[in-house]
C-alpha atoms as a PDB file:
ATOM      1  CA  UNK A   1      -0.167  -0.049  -0.057  1.00  0.00           C
ATOM      2  CA  UNK A   2       1.527   3.459  -0.766  1.00  0.00           C
ATOM      3  CA  UNK A   3       2.714   5.992   2.061  1.00  0.00           C
ATOM      4  CA  UNK A   4       0.285   9.014   2.187  1.00  0.00           C
ATOM      5  CA  UNK A   5      -0.494  12.482   4.304  1.00  0.00           C
ATOM      6  CA  UNK A   6      -1.764  11.269   7.372  1.00  0.00           C
ATOM      7  CA  UNK A   7      -2.919  13.290  10.298  1.00  0.00           C
ATOM      8  CA  UNK A   8      -1.703  16.614  10.897  1.00  0.00           C
ATOM      9  CA  UNK A   9       1.390  17.128  13.673  1.00  0.00           C
ATOM     10  CA  UNK A  10       1.819  20.516  13.329  1.00  0.00           C
ATOM     11  CA  UNK A  11      -0.942  23.302  11.788  1.00  0.00           C
ATOM     12  CA  UNK A  12      -0.177  26.051   9.457  1.00  0.00           C
ATOM     13  CA  UNK A  13      -1.232  28.300  12.069  1.00  0.00           C
ATOM     14  CA  UNK A  14       1.077  26.695  15.025  1.00  0.00           C
ATOM     15  CA  UNK A  15       4.090  27.122  12.117  1.00  0.00           C
ATOM     16  CA  UNK A  16       3.718  30.543  11.503  1.00  0.00           C
ATOM     17  CA  UNK A  17       3.665  31.428  15.182  1.00  0.00           C
ATOM     18  CA  UNK A  18       6.445  29.507  16.103  1.00  0.00           C
ATOM     19  CA  UNK A  19       8.270  30.657  12.861  1.00  0.00           C
ATOM     20  CA  UNK A  20       7.510  34.489  13.410  1.00  0.00           C
ATOM     21  CA  UNK A  21       8.955  33.088  17.480  1.00  0.00           C
ATOM     22  CA  UNK A  22      12.273  32.170  15.633  1.00  0.00           C
ATOM     23  CA  UNK A  23      12.472  35.125  13.621  1.00  0.00           C
ATOM     24  CA  UNK A  24      12.548  37.332  16.366  1.00  0.00           C
ATOM     25  CA  UNK A  25      15.049  35.391  18.826  1.00  0.00           C
ATOM     26  CA  UNK A  26      17.235  35.266  15.680  1.00  0.00           C
ATOM     27  CA  UNK A  27      16.762  39.101  15.283  1.00  0.00           C
ATOM     28  CA  UNK A  28      17.757  39.613  19.024  1.00  0.00           C
ATOM     29  CA  UNK A  29      20.456  37.629  19.062  1.00  0.00           C
ATOM     30  CA  UNK A  30      22.251  39.369  15.991  1.00  0.00           C
ATOM     31  CA  UNK A  31      21.246  42.985  16.661  1.00  0.00           C
ATOM     32  CA  UNK A  32      23.331  45.300  15.034  1.00  0.00           C
ATOM     33  CA  UNK A  33      24.730  42.482  12.687  1.00  0.00           C
ATOM     34  CA  UNK A  34      23.413  41.112   9.289  1.00  0.00           C
ATOM     35  CA  UNK A  35      23.242  37.594   9.630  1.00  0.00           C
ATOM     36  CA  UNK A  36      23.603  35.191   6.760  1.00  0.00           C
ATOM     37  CA  UNK A  37      20.892  32.419   6.689  1.00  0.00           C
ATOM     38  CA  UNK A  38      21.832  29.215   5.021  1.00  0.00           C
ATOM     39  CA  UNK A  39      19.042  27.086   4.041  1.00  0.00           C
ATOM     40  CA  UNK A  40      20.072  23.957   3.696  1.00  0.00           C
ATOM     41  CA  UNK A  41      18.151  22.625   0.081  1.00  0.00           C
ATOM     42  CA  UNK A  42      15.442  21.225  -0.602  1.00  0.00           C
ATOM     43  CA  UNK A  43      13.609  20.649   2.389  1.00  0.00           C
ATOM     44  CA  UNK A  44      13.757  23.674   4.302  1.00  0.00           C
ATOM     45  CA  UNK A  45      13.350  26.139   1.533  1.00  0.00           C
ATOM     46  CA  UNK A  46       9.684  26.752   2.797  1.00  0.00           C
ATOM     47  CA  UNK A  47      11.277  27.446   6.500  1.00  0.00           C
ATOM     48  CA  UNK A  48      13.858  29.844   5.429  1.00  0.00           C
ATOM     49  CA  UNK A  49      11.833  31.667   3.104  1.00  0.00           C
ATOM     50  CA  UNK A  50       8.531  32.273   6.460  1.00  0.00           C
ATOM     51  CA  UNK A  51      11.763  32.922   8.460  1.00  0.00           C
ATOM     52  CA  UNK A  52      13.894  35.212   6.778  1.00  0.00           C
ATOM     53  CA  UNK A  53      10.103  37.274   6.191  1.00  0.00           C
ATOM     54  CA  UNK A  54       9.695  36.863  10.220  1.00  0.00           C
ATOM     55  CA  UNK A  55      13.178  38.334  10.609  1.00  0.00           C
ATOM     56  CA  UNK A  56      12.670  42.012  11.745  1.00  0.00           C
ATOM     57  CA  UNK A  57      15.788  43.896  10.316  1.00  0.00           C
ATOM     58  CA  UNK A  58      18.731  43.062   7.692  1.00  0.00           C
ATOM     59  CA  UNK A  59      19.475  39.705   6.644  1.00  0.00           C
ATOM     60  CA  UNK A  60      21.510  37.898   3.912  1.00  0.00           C
ATOM     61  CA  UNK A  61      20.330  34.574   2.680  1.00  0.00           C
ATOM     62  CA  UNK A  62      22.248  31.643   0.515  1.00  0.00           C
ATOM     63  CA  UNK A  63      21.880  27.943   0.276  1.00  0.00           C
ATOM     64  CA  UNK A  64      23.220  24.270   0.810  1.00  0.00           C
ATOM     65  CA  UNK A  65      21.955  21.407  -0.861  1.00  0.00           C
ATOM     66  CA  UNK A  66      22.958  18.570   1.449  1.00  0.00           C
ATOM     67  CA  UNK A  67      21.580  14.884   1.144  1.00  0.00           C
ATOM     68  CA  UNK A  68      21.543  11.623   3.276  1.00  0.00           C
ATOM     69  CA  UNK A  69      17.906  10.681   2.398  1.00  0.00           C
ATOM     70  CA  UNK A  70      17.607  10.017  -1.614  1.00  0.00           C
ATOM     71  CA  UNK A  71      14.213   8.681  -2.340  1.00  0.00           C
ATOM     72  CA  UNK A  72      13.556   6.962   0.855  1.00  0.00           C
ATOM     73  CA  UNK A  73      11.760   7.465   4.100  1.00  0.00           C
ATOM     74  CA  UNK A  74      14.955   6.624   6.338  1.00  0.00           C
ATOM     75  CA  UNK A  75      18.565   8.624   6.128  1.00  0.00           C
ATOM     76  CA  UNK A  76      21.356   6.789   4.619  1.00  0.00           C
ATOM     77  CA  UNK A  77      23.966   8.075   6.554  1.00  0.00           C
ATOM     78  CA  UNK A  78      25.854   8.794   3.997  1.00  0.00           C
ATOM     79  CA  UNK A  79      25.906  12.816   3.677  1.00  0.00           C
ATOM     80  CA  UNK A  80      26.644  14.171   0.393  1.00  0.00           C
ATOM     81  CA  UNK A  81      26.965  17.812  -0.747  1.00  0.00           C
ATOM     82  CA  UNK A  82      24.727  18.421  -3.454  1.00  0.00           C
ATOM     83  CA  UNK A  83      24.850  22.367  -3.903  1.00  0.00           C
ATOM     84  CA  UNK A  84      27.712  24.858  -2.014  1.00  0.00           C
ATOM     85  CA  UNK A  85      27.224  28.179  -0.759  1.00  0.00           C
ATOM     86  CA  UNK A  86      28.083  31.394  -3.558  1.00  0.00           C
ATOM     87  CA  UNK A  87      29.726  33.225  -0.928  1.00  0.00           C
ATOM     88  CA  UNK A  88      31.665  33.612   1.683  1.00  0.00           C
ATOM     89  CA  UNK A  89      31.141  32.976   4.931  1.00  0.00           C
ATOM     90  CA  UNK A  90      34.448  34.024   6.472  1.00  0.00           C
ATOM     91  CA  UNK A  91      34.045  36.603   9.089  1.00  0.00           C
ATOM     92  CA  UNK A  92      29.995  36.680   8.978  1.00  0.00           C
ATOM     93  CA  UNK A  93      27.751  35.743  11.497  1.00  0.00           C
ATOM     94  CA  UNK A  94      25.698  32.552   9.916  1.00  0.00           C
ATOM     95  CA  UNK A  95      22.813  30.964  10.859  1.00  0.00           C
ATOM     96  CA  UNK A  96      22.059  27.164   9.494  1.00  0.00           C
ATOM     97  CA  UNK A  97      18.432  26.895   8.693  1.00  0.00           C
ATOM     98  CA  UNK A  98      17.507  23.326   8.551  1.00  0.00           C
ATOM     99  CA  UNK A  99      14.238  21.670   8.268  1.00  0.00           C
ATOM    100  CA  UNK A 100      14.841  18.795  10.549  1.00  0.00           C
ATOM    101  CA  UNK A 101      17.183  17.008  12.961  1.00  0.00           C
ATOM    102  CA  UNK A 102      17.263  13.073  13.322  1.00  0.00           C
ATOM    103  CA  UNK A 103      20.422  11.271  13.630  1.00  0.00           C
ATOM    104  CA  UNK A 104      22.165  14.513  13.782  1.00  0.00           C
ATOM    105  CA  UNK A 105      24.650  13.379  10.980  1.00  0.00           C
ATOM    106  CA  UNK A 106      24.006  15.634   8.235  1.00  0.00           C
ATOM    107  CA  UNK A 107      24.296  18.630  10.758  1.00  0.00           C
ATOM    108  CA  UNK A 108      27.223  17.440  12.136  1.00  0.00           C
ATOM    109  CA  UNK A 109      28.755  17.367   8.258  1.00  0.00           C
ATOM    110  CA  UNK A 110      27.463  20.521   8.104  1.00  0.00           C
ATOM    111  CA  UNK A 111      28.898  22.188  11.091  1.00  0.00           C
ATOM    112  CA  UNK A 112      32.681  20.843  10.369  1.00  0.00           C
ATOM    113  CA  UNK A 113      32.147  22.051   6.860  1.00  0.00           C
ATOM    114  CA  UNK A 114      30.973  25.537   8.149  1.00  0.00           C
ATOM    115  CA  UNK A 115      33.672  25.758  11.153  1.00  0.00           C
ATOM    116  CA  UNK A 116      36.614  25.300   8.270  1.00  0.00           C
ATOM    117  CA  UNK A 117      35.302  28.578   6.675  1.00  0.00           C
ATOM    118  CA  UNK A 118      35.737  30.744   9.816  1.00  0.00           C
ATOM    119  CA  UNK A 119      32.440  32.020  10.292  1.00  0.00           C
ATOM    120  CA  UNK A 120      32.473  34.967  12.889  1.00  0.00           C
ATOM    121  CA  UNK A 121      29.780  32.661  14.369  1.00  0.00           C
ATOM    122  CA  UNK A 122      28.018  29.674  13.500  1.00  0.00           C
ATOM    123  CA  UNK A 123      23.954  29.077  15.160  1.00  0.00           C
ATOM    124  CA  UNK A 124      22.042  26.219  13.932  1.00  0.00           C
ATOM    125  CA  UNK A 125      17.965  26.429  13.739  1.00  0.00           C
ATOM    126  CA  UNK A 126      16.005  23.900  12.868  1.00  0.00           C
ATOM    127  CA  UNK A 127      12.089  23.724  12.694  1.00  0.00           C
ATOM    128  CA  UNK A 128      11.984  20.179  14.089  1.00  0.00           C
ATOM    129  CA  UNK A 129      13.780  18.151  15.848  1.00  0.00           C
ATOM    130  CA  UNK A 130      13.274  14.149  16.665  1.00  0.00           C
ATOM    131  CA  UNK A 131      15.748  14.063  19.732  1.00  0.00           C
ATOM    132  CA  UNK A 132      14.840  10.531  20.420  1.00  0.00           C
ATOM    133  CA  UNK A 133      16.786   9.834  16.681  1.00  0.00           C
ATOM    134  CA  UNK A 134      19.996  11.242  17.811  1.00  0.00           C
ATOM    135  CA  UNK A 135      23.084   9.337  17.044  1.00  0.00           C
ATOM    136  CA  UNK A 136      25.240  11.892  16.867  1.00  0.00           C
ATOM    137  CA  UNK A 137      25.188  15.029  19.918  1.00  0.00           C
ATOM    138  CA  UNK A 138      24.949  18.298  18.015  1.00  0.00           C
ATOM    139  CA  UNK A 139      24.380  21.642  19.278  1.00  0.00           C
ATOM    140  CA  UNK A 140      20.645  23.175  18.152  1.00  0.00           C
ATOM    141  CA  UNK A 141      20.265  27.012  19.319  1.00  0.00           C
ATOM    142  CA  UNK A 142      17.173  27.543  17.961  1.00  0.00           C
ATOM    143  CA  UNK A 143      14.340  24.654  17.985  1.00  0.00           C
ATOM    144  CA  UNK A 144      10.897  24.736  16.469  1.00  0.00           C
ATOM    145  CA  UNK A 145       9.163  21.528  17.554  1.00  0.00           C
ATOM    146  CA  UNK A 146      10.475  18.318  19.422  1.00  0.00           C
ATOM    147  CA  UNK A 147       8.416  15.740  17.315  1.00  0.00           C
ATOM    148  CA  UNK A 148       8.076  11.679  17.770  1.00  0.00           C
ATOM    149  CA  UNK A 149      10.309   9.504  15.725  1.00  0.00           C
ATOM    150  CA  UNK A 150       7.443   9.621  12.948  1.00  0.00           C
ATOM    151  CA  UNK A 151       8.004  10.672   9.011  1.00  0.00           C
ATOM    152  CA  UNK A 152       6.489  13.936   8.254  1.00  0.00           C
ATOM    153  CA  UNK A 153       5.664  15.465   4.753  1.00  0.00           C
ATOM    154  CA  UNK A 154       4.248  18.817   3.925  1.00  0.00           C
ATOM    155  CA  UNK A 155       5.941  22.403   4.639  1.00  0.00           C
ATOM    156  CA  UNK A 156       9.303  21.624   2.414  1.00  0.00           C
ATOM    157  CA  UNK A 157       8.786  17.626   3.892  1.00  0.00           C
ATOM    158  CA  UNK A 158       8.396  15.131   1.015  1.00  0.00           C
ATOM    159  CA  UNK A 159       8.736  11.850   0.123  1.00  0.00           C
ATOM    160  CA  UNK A 160      10.190  11.497  -3.329  1.00  0.00           C
ATOM    161  CA  UNK A 161       9.755  14.484  -3.915  1.00  0.00           C
ATOM    162  CA  UNK A 162       6.294  14.570  -3.170  1.00  0.00           C
ATOM    163  CA  UNK A 163       4.056  16.915  -0.435  1.00  0.00           C
ATOM    164  CA  UNK A 164       6.408  19.615  -0.340  1.00  0.00           C
ATOM    165  CA  UNK A 165       3.491  21.972  -1.011  1.00  0.00           C
ATOM    166  CA  UNK A 166       1.098  21.062   1.817  1.00  0.00           C
ATOM    167  CA  UNK A 167       0.626  24.064   4.239  1.00  0.00           C
ATOM    168  CA  UNK A 168       0.916  22.375   7.367  1.00  0.00           C
ATOM    169  CA  UNK A 169       2.865  19.280   8.377  1.00  0.00           C
ATOM    170  CA  UNK A 170       1.608  15.738   8.567  1.00  0.00           C
ATOM    171  CA  UNK A 171       2.588  12.231   9.618  1.00  0.00           C
ATOM    172  CA  UNK A 172       2.835   9.821   7.138  1.00  0.00           C
ATOM    173  CA  UNK A 173       0.955   6.493   6.708  1.00  0.00           C
ATOM    174  CA  UNK A 174       0.173   3.414   4.501  1.00  0.00           C
END
């Protein structure tokens, strides 16, 4: 039986409120500076777009692409860079915008990769945190929601490229 979106885990209204809170927190911490938000493609594109509109004040933006899932519903464990930044981050305040942290392998890879580029500061903002799946201890500075160990779709999250455009976050069900 094919997998499909099931019950709503996080509604569009809850997302809007929490993204606004995260935007204000980032603005407070980076007051007097222009943070560079680095959205992680493709899953965090929707979250990144909403987050930049929620940050009062100037920001810069870029994207990186990494993959550890392929077309499946579980991480393969092998992280690969699929698209790199278009600008230098040396001496910049960088906020990595990630859709979800589960095992921590992808975020650990990103953090180590970006630290070699000598940013002034490096913070992590994740919309969803699957704490119970963590295999690598990675610090997350801004967390939207802690979620159970269920595969989710909608609001940028997909299964094989499908369901990214749903406005709510749904649990994937058979």
